[in-house]
């Protein structure tokens, strides 16, 4: 009797250990069928724990034939998923580190401030040109500080356009003011004077090292362009807005940042589901397992080992990769 009692105590203790492991796995995977398995296993355990008249060997046999195989399978899956989780987390961390460094390097906030200052300088230059044209003055005029801005930022920030787009933007037929310093569409210069030369920088474009800068009136949505090599100003043909992107400039590195941020968003989504998502074949086995141990005559069939080996073999043969 003492030996049987000791065996009973030992099997119950081992069964409790199995329940602890199942509980941990259930928490990790958070899958409804796994929760169902845990609940059903607890019921079976409790049945033997509270009724010592039952053959305790059947509880041991149940764990040998079923629980141990299930635990082995899902511990392997858990290990695989933890490795995936670490790899994805590391990739997100590395991407964020690169993003931070690139943001520091390109200084997008500095470019925005520089572009604002550049527009103010251009406004002053246009006003000076207006005075030169209006008074037919021979005073000195210098483009150096205007051109130095585009020279410093065009490779990183200005948007590349095709030769065809460049030619269409600059192929204008207008009445112009022209002197040795600049060429100005007459209607544009008159409009700028009326609006007190209040402009804002919209974006910069580049084609084979030639630049075009696009400006907008502060008090209207009308746009005009500055063609760098010609030192020429023209109203922007509205039809060209359908062919060329005139949105604010982003740096070349900014595009990399955007790509990395999009990649991280996808990785974050994958990370949020990596624990709970199971391969279809694993879900099928888990469902079959739950159905089997939930059947009314399950305990009566426990000693018929041959009838139980199919699920066991399926578990052990699953490719978790």
Protein backbone atom coordinates (compact mmCIF):
# COMPACT_ATOMS: atom_id res chain seq x y z
CA UNK A 1 0.00 0.00 0.00
CA UNK A 2 2.80 2.40 0.87
CA UNK A 3 4.45 1.74 -2.45
CA UNK A 4 1.21 2.45 -4.31
CA UNK A 5 0.70 5.63 -2.30
CA UNK A 6 4.21 6.81 -3.14
CA UNK A 7 3.64 6.04 -6.79
CA UNK A 8 0.38 7.97 -6.71
CA UNK A 9 2.08 10.99 -5.11
CA UNK A 10 4.92 10.89 -7.64
CA UNK A 11 2.62 10.66 -10.66
CA UNK A 12 0.49 13.56 -9.37
CA UNK A 13 3.66 15.59 -8.81
CA UNK A 14 4.90 14.85 -12.33
CA UNK A 15 1.46 15.69 -13.69
CA UNK A 16 1.56 19.06 -11.90
CA UNK A 17 4.91 19.80 -13.55
CA UNK A 18 3.38 19.06 -16.93
CA UNK A 19 0.53 21.48 -16.15
CA UNK A 20 3.00 24.23 -15.23
CA UNK A 21 4.81 23.80 -18.56
CA UNK A 22 1.51 23.73 -20.46
CA UNK A 23 0.46 26.92 -18.67
CA UNK A 24 3.67 28.69 -19.71
CA UNK A 25 3.28 27.55 -23.31
CA UNK A 26 -0.38 28.57 -23.30
CA UNK A 27 0.58 32.06 -22.12
CA UNK A 28 3.23 32.32 -24.82
CA UNK A 29 1.10 31.20 -27.77
CA UNK A 30 -2.23 32.58 -26.55
CA UNK A 31 -4.10 30.23 -28.90
CA UNK A 32 -7.69 29.25 -28.12
CA UNK A 33 -7.14 25.54 -28.85
CA UNK A 34 -4.03 25.48 -26.66
CA UNK A 35 -6.02 27.09 -23.87
CA UNK A 36 -8.64 24.37 -24.43
CA UNK A 37 -5.95 21.70 -24.16
CA UNK A 38 -4.71 23.22 -20.90
CA UNK A 39 -8.22 23.30 -19.44
CA UNK A 40 -8.96 19.72 -20.51
CA UNK A 41 -5.62 18.48 -19.16
CA UNK A 42 -6.37 20.16 -15.82
CA UNK A 43 -9.76 18.42 -15.75
CA UNK A 44 -8.13 15.04 -16.36
CA UNK A 45 -5.47 15.73 -13.74
CA UNK A 46 -8.08 16.86 -11.20
CA UNK A 47 -10.16 13.76 -11.89
CA UNK A 48 -7.30 11.48 -10.83
CA UNK A 49 -6.13 13.73 -8.02
CA UNK A 50 -9.55 13.79 -6.35
CA UNK A 51 -10.41 10.13 -6.92
CA UNK A 52 -7.75 7.70 -5.80
CA UNK A 53 -9.95 4.73 -6.75
CA UNK A 54 -9.08 5.43 -10.40
CA UNK A 55 -6.05 3.73 -11.89
CA UNK A 56 -3.33 6.38 -11.47
CA UNK A 57 -1.29 4.63 -14.16
CA UNK A 58 -3.77 5.90 -16.72
CA UNK A 59 -2.83 9.49 -15.84
CA UNK A 60 0.83 8.67 -16.31
CA UNK A 61 0.04 6.91 -19.58
CA UNK A 62 -1.96 9.94 -20.75
CA UNK A 63 1.00 12.24 -20.20
CA UNK A 64 3.43 9.82 -21.83
CA UNK A 65 1.27 9.30 -24.90
CA UNK A 66 -0.06 12.83 -25.28
CA UNK A 67 1.14 15.64 -23.03
CA UNK A 68 4.87 15.00 -23.40
CA UNK A 69 4.63 14.91 -27.19
CA UNK A 70 2.60 18.11 -27.24
CA UNK A 71 5.08 19.85 -24.94
CA UNK A 72 8.06 18.70 -27.03
CA UNK A 73 6.45 19.99 -30.22
CA UNK A 74 5.47 23.39 -28.86
CA UNK A 75 8.74 23.93 -27.03
CA UNK A 76 10.48 23.51 -30.38
CA UNK A 77 8.05 25.93 -31.99
CA UNK A 78 8.50 28.36 -29.10
CA UNK A 79 12.28 28.24 -29.48
CA UNK A 80 11.98 28.85 -33.21
CA UNK A 81 9.60 31.78 -32.68
CA UNK A 82 11.83 33.30 -30.01
CA UNK A 83 14.72 33.23 -32.47
CA UNK A 84 12.54 34.88 -35.11
CA UNK A 85 11.39 37.43 -32.54
CA UNK A 86 14.98 38.29 -31.65
CA UNK A 87 16.01 38.55 -35.31
CA UNK A 88 13.08 40.85 -36.14
CA UNK A 89 13.62 42.94 -33.00
CA UNK A 90 17.31 43.31 -33.87
CA UNK A 91 16.45 44.38 -37.41
CA UNK A 92 14.02 47.00 -36.10
CA UNK A 93 16.68 48.27 -33.67
CA UNK A 94 19.33 48.48 -36.41
CA UNK A 95 16.92 50.25 -38.78
CA UNK A 96 16.00 52.78 -36.08
CA UNK A 97 19.68 53.41 -35.40
CA UNK A 98 20.33 54.05 -39.11
CA UNK A 99 17.26 56.31 -39.29
CA UNK A 100 18.51 58.39 -36.35
CA UNK A 101 21.97 58.78 -37.88
CA UNK A 102 20.60 59.70 -41.31
CA UNK A 103 18.22 62.27 -39.82
CA UNK A 104 21.15 63.85 -38.00
CA UNK A 105 23.27 63.85 -41.17
CA UNK A 106 20.73 65.42 -43.49
CA UNK A 107 19.33 67.89 -40.98
CA UNK A 108 15.91 68.25 -42.62
CA UNK A 109 14.96 70.97 -40.16
CA UNK A 110 18.09 72.91 -41.11
CA UNK A 111 17.23 72.59 -44.81
CA UNK A 112 13.71 73.92 -44.19
CA UNK A 113 15.16 76.93 -42.37
CA UNK A 114 17.81 77.45 -45.05
CA UNK A 115 15.15 77.29 -47.79
CA UNK A 116 13.12 79.93 -45.95
CA UNK A 117 16.16 82.21 -45.73
CA UNK A 118 16.95 81.52 -49.38
CA UNK A 119 13.44 82.62 -50.40
CA UNK A 120 13.92 85.85 -48.45
CA UNK A 121 17.20 86.51 -50.25
CA UNK A 122 15.62 85.70 -53.60
CA UNK A 123 12.78 88.10 -52.80
CA UNK A 124 15.33 90.85 -52.19
CA UNK A 125 17.20 90.01 -55.40
CA UNK A 126 13.98 90.15 -57.44
CA UNK A 127 13.13 93.53 -55.90
CA UNK A 128 16.62 94.75 -56.84
CA UNK A 129 16.11 93.50 -60.39
CA UNK A 130 12.77 95.30 -60.54
CA UNK A 131 14.48 98.55 -59.61
CA UNK A 132 17.18 97.97 -62.20
CA UNK A 133 14.59 97.33 -64.93
CA UNK A 134 12.34 100.17 -63.80
CA UNK A 135 15.12 102.77 -63.55
CA UNK A 136 17.31 101.33 -66.31
CA UNK A 137 20.04 101.35 -63.71
CA UNK A 138 23.61 100.18 -64.21
CA UNK A 139 24.18 99.33 -60.53
CA UNK A 140 26.09 96.19 -59.73
CA UNK A 141 24.19 92.97 -59.22
CA UNK A 142 25.59 89.64 -57.94
CA UNK A 143 24.04 86.14 -58.09
CA UNK A 144 26.70 84.51 -55.91
CA UNK A 145 24.74 84.06 -52.66
CA UNK A 146 21.69 82.80 -54.56
CA UNK A 147 23.61 80.20 -56.56
CA UNK A 148 25.69 79.10 -53.57
CA UNK A 149 22.51 77.78 -51.92
CA UNK A 150 21.63 75.41 -54.75
CA UNK A 151 25.28 74.40 -55.16
CA UNK A 152 25.32 73.30 -51.54
CA UNK A 153 22.06 71.36 -51.43
CA UNK A 154 21.10 70.23 -54.93
CA UNK A 155 22.88 66.86 -54.82
CA UNK A 156 21.14 65.90 -51.60
CA UNK A 157 17.76 67.62 -51.78
CA UNK A 158 16.82 68.75 -55.29
CA UNK A 159 14.57 66.36 -57.19
CA UNK A 160 15.91 64.83 -60.39
CA UNK A 161 13.80 65.44 -63.50
CA UNK A 162 14.16 64.18 -67.07
CA UNK A 163 15.63 66.16 -69.96
CA UNK A 164 12.19 66.21 -71.56
CA UNK A 165 10.65 67.70 -68.40
CA UNK A 166 13.45 70.25 -68.15
CA UNK A 167 12.97 71.34 -71.75
CA UNK A 168 9.21 71.65 -71.34
CA UNK A 169 9.61 73.77 -68.19
CA UNK A 170 12.09 76.13 -69.84
CA UNK A 171 10.53 76.26 -73.33
CA UNK A 172 8.53 79.46 -72.81
CA UNK A 173 7.43 82.11 -75.28
CA UNK A 174 6.74 85.26 -73.30
CA UNK A 175 7.37 88.98 -73.39
CA UNK A 176 10.36 89.58 -71.18
CA UNK A 177 12.49 92.18 -69.52
CA UNK A 178 16.12 91.32 -70.12
CA UNK A 179 19.52 92.74 -69.28
CA UNK A 180 22.99 91.35 -68.60
CA UNK A 181 21.90 90.09 -65.18
CA UNK A 182 18.58 88.34 -65.78
CA UNK A 183 15.56 87.66 -67.95
CA UNK A 184 12.11 88.23 -66.45
CA UNK A 185 8.64 87.57 -67.80
CA UNK A 186 6.99 91.00 -67.77
CA UNK A 187 3.65 89.88 -66.33
CA UNK A 188 5.45 87.97 -63.59
CA UNK A 189 7.61 90.87 -62.52
CA UNK A 190 4.57 93.16 -62.45
CA UNK A 191 2.66 90.66 -60.33
CA UNK A 192 5.57 90.31 -57.93
CA UNK A 193 5.74 94.08 -57.50
CA UNK A 194 2.00 94.28 -56.75
CA UNK A 195 2.33 91.51 -54.15
CA UNK A 196 5.36 93.20 -52.52
CA UNK A 197 7.75 90.42 -53.65
CA UNK A 198 6.40 88.11 -50.96
CA UNK A 199 7.36 84.59 -52.05
CA UNK A 200 8.18 81.20 -50.60
CA UNK A 201 10.48 78.47 -51.83
CA UNK A 202 8.53 75.42 -52.99
CA UNK A 203 11.17 73.00 -54.28
CA UNK A 204 14.35 72.61 -56.28
CA UNK A 205 14.74 70.50 -59.43
CA UNK A 206 17.88 69.32 -61.17
CA UNK A 207 18.71 67.87 -64.59
CA UNK A 208 22.28 67.14 -65.71
CA UNK A 209 23.57 69.54 -63.07
CA UNK A 210 21.26 72.35 -64.24
CA UNK A 211 18.82 73.66 -61.65
CA UNK A 212 15.31 75.00 -61.61
CA UNK A 213 13.82 76.46 -58.45
CA UNK A 214 10.07 76.66 -58.00
CA UNK A 215 8.51 79.48 -55.97
CA UNK A 216 5.00 80.34 -54.88
CA UNK A 217 3.40 83.68 -54.04
CA UNK A 218 2.63 83.96 -50.36
CA UNK A 219 -0.79 85.47 -51.05
CA UNK A 220 -1.86 83.12 -53.85
CA UNK A 221 -1.24 79.64 -55.23
CA UNK A 222 0.40 80.91 -58.42
CA UNK A 223 3.88 79.55 -59.02
CA UNK A 224 6.91 80.67 -60.98
CA UNK A 225 10.29 79.20 -61.77
CA UNK A 226 13.87 80.39 -61.64
CA UNK A 227 16.05 78.76 -64.31
CA UNK A 228 19.54 78.82 -62.83
CA UNK A 229 21.78 78.69 -65.90
CA UNK A 230 19.67 81.32 -67.72
CA UNK A 231 19.06 83.50 -64.66
CA UNK A 232 15.50 83.62 -65.95
CA UNK A 233 12.09 83.87 -64.25
CA UNK A 234 8.82 82.63 -65.77
CA UNK A 235 5.32 81.82 -64.62
CA UNK A 236 4.95 78.08 -64.18
CA UNK A 237 2.74 76.48 -66.81
CA UNK A 238 -0.10 74.87 -64.85
CA UNK A 239 -0.12 71.90 -67.23
CA UNK A 240 3.38 71.01 -66.01
CA UNK A 241 2.00 70.40 -62.53
CA UNK A 242 0.50 67.21 -63.96
CA UNK A 243 3.89 66.03 -65.24
CA UNK A 244 6.36 67.09 -62.57
CA UNK A 245 6.35 66.59 -58.81
CA UNK A 246 6.51 70.03 -57.20
CA UNK A 247 6.08 68.86 -53.60
CA UNK A 248 8.65 69.92 -51.02
CA UNK A 249 12.09 68.40 -51.35
CA UNK A 250 13.17 65.40 -49.38
CA UNK A 251 16.79 64.38 -49.24
CA UNK A 252 18.08 61.26 -50.99
CA UNK A 253 18.82 59.96 -47.52
CA UNK A 254 15.27 60.93 -46.59
CA UNK A 255 14.00 58.40 -49.11
CA UNK A 256 16.11 55.74 -47.39
CA UNK A 257 14.62 56.83 -44.07
CA UNK A 258 11.10 56.47 -45.48
CA UNK A 259 11.90 53.00 -46.83
CA UNK A 260 13.34 51.92 -43.48
CA UNK A 261 10.34 53.32 -41.61
CA UNK A 262 7.95 51.43 -43.90
CA UNK A 263 10.02 48.29 -43.40
CA UNK A 264 9.87 48.74 -39.63
CA UNK A 265 6.09 49.16 -39.75
CA UNK A 266 5.81 45.80 -41.50
CA UNK A 267 8.24 44.22 -39.04
CA UNK A 268 6.28 45.59 -36.09
CA UNK A 269 3.11 44.00 -37.48
CA UNK A 270 4.94 40.72 -37.93
CA UNK A 271 6.31 40.96 -34.42
CA UNK A 272 2.83 41.48 -32.96
CA UNK A 273 1.55 38.22 -34.48
CA UNK A 274 4.64 36.05 -34.44
CA UNK A 275 3.75 34.33 -31.15
CA UNK A 276 0.10 33.71 -31.88
CA UNK A 277 0.38 32.66 -35.53
CA UNK A 278 0.82 28.92 -36.06
CA UNK A 279 1.39 26.97 -39.29
CA UNK A 280 -1.76 25.37 -40.64
CA UNK A 281 -0.50 21.82 -40.09
CA UNK A 282 0.29 22.62 -36.44
CA UNK A 283 -3.18 24.11 -35.93
CA UNK A 284 -4.75 20.98 -37.40
CA UNK A 285 -2.77 18.71 -35.09
CA UNK A 286 -3.63 20.89 -32.10
CA UNK A 287 -7.33 20.80 -32.98
CA UNK A 288 -7.25 17.01 -33.46
CA UNK A 289 -5.44 16.66 -30.16
CA UNK A 290 -8.02 18.76 -28.31
CA UNK A 291 -10.89 16.83 -29.88
CA UNK A 292 -9.27 13.55 -28.92
CA UNK A 293 -8.65 14.32 -25.25
CA UNK A 294 -12.10 15.90 -24.97
CA UNK A 295 -13.97 12.80 -26.14
CA UNK A 296 -16.22 11.08 -23.59
CA UNK A 297 -14.60 7.65 -23.90
CA UNK A 298 -11.06 8.98 -24.05
CA UNK A 299 -9.91 7.61 -20.68
CA UNK A 300 -11.26 4.18 -21.50
CA UNK A 301 -9.13 4.10 -24.66
CA UNK A 302 -5.93 5.22 -23.01
CA UNK A 303 -4.45 1.74 -22.68
CA UNK A 304 -4.97 1.03 -26.37
CA UNK A 305 -1.62 2.48 -27.40
CA UNK A 306 -1.90 1.58 -31.09
CA UNK A 307 -4.97 3.79 -31.51
CA UNK A 308 -3.15 6.78 -30.09
CA UNK A 309 0.06 6.67 -32.11
CA UNK A 310 -1.27 8.59 -35.15
CA UNK A 311 -1.50 11.94 -33.37
CA UNK A 312 1.83 11.30 -31.64
CA UNK A 313 3.59 10.53 -34.93
CA UNK A 314 2.03 13.57 -36.56
CA UNK A 315 3.33 15.78 -33.76
CA UNK A 316 6.86 14.43 -33.93
CA UNK A 317 7.04 14.65 -37.72
CA UNK A 318 5.88 18.25 -38.04
CA UNK A 319 8.46 20.48 -39.69
CA UNK A 320 8.41 23.60 -37.53
CA UNK A 321 10.55 25.59 -39.96
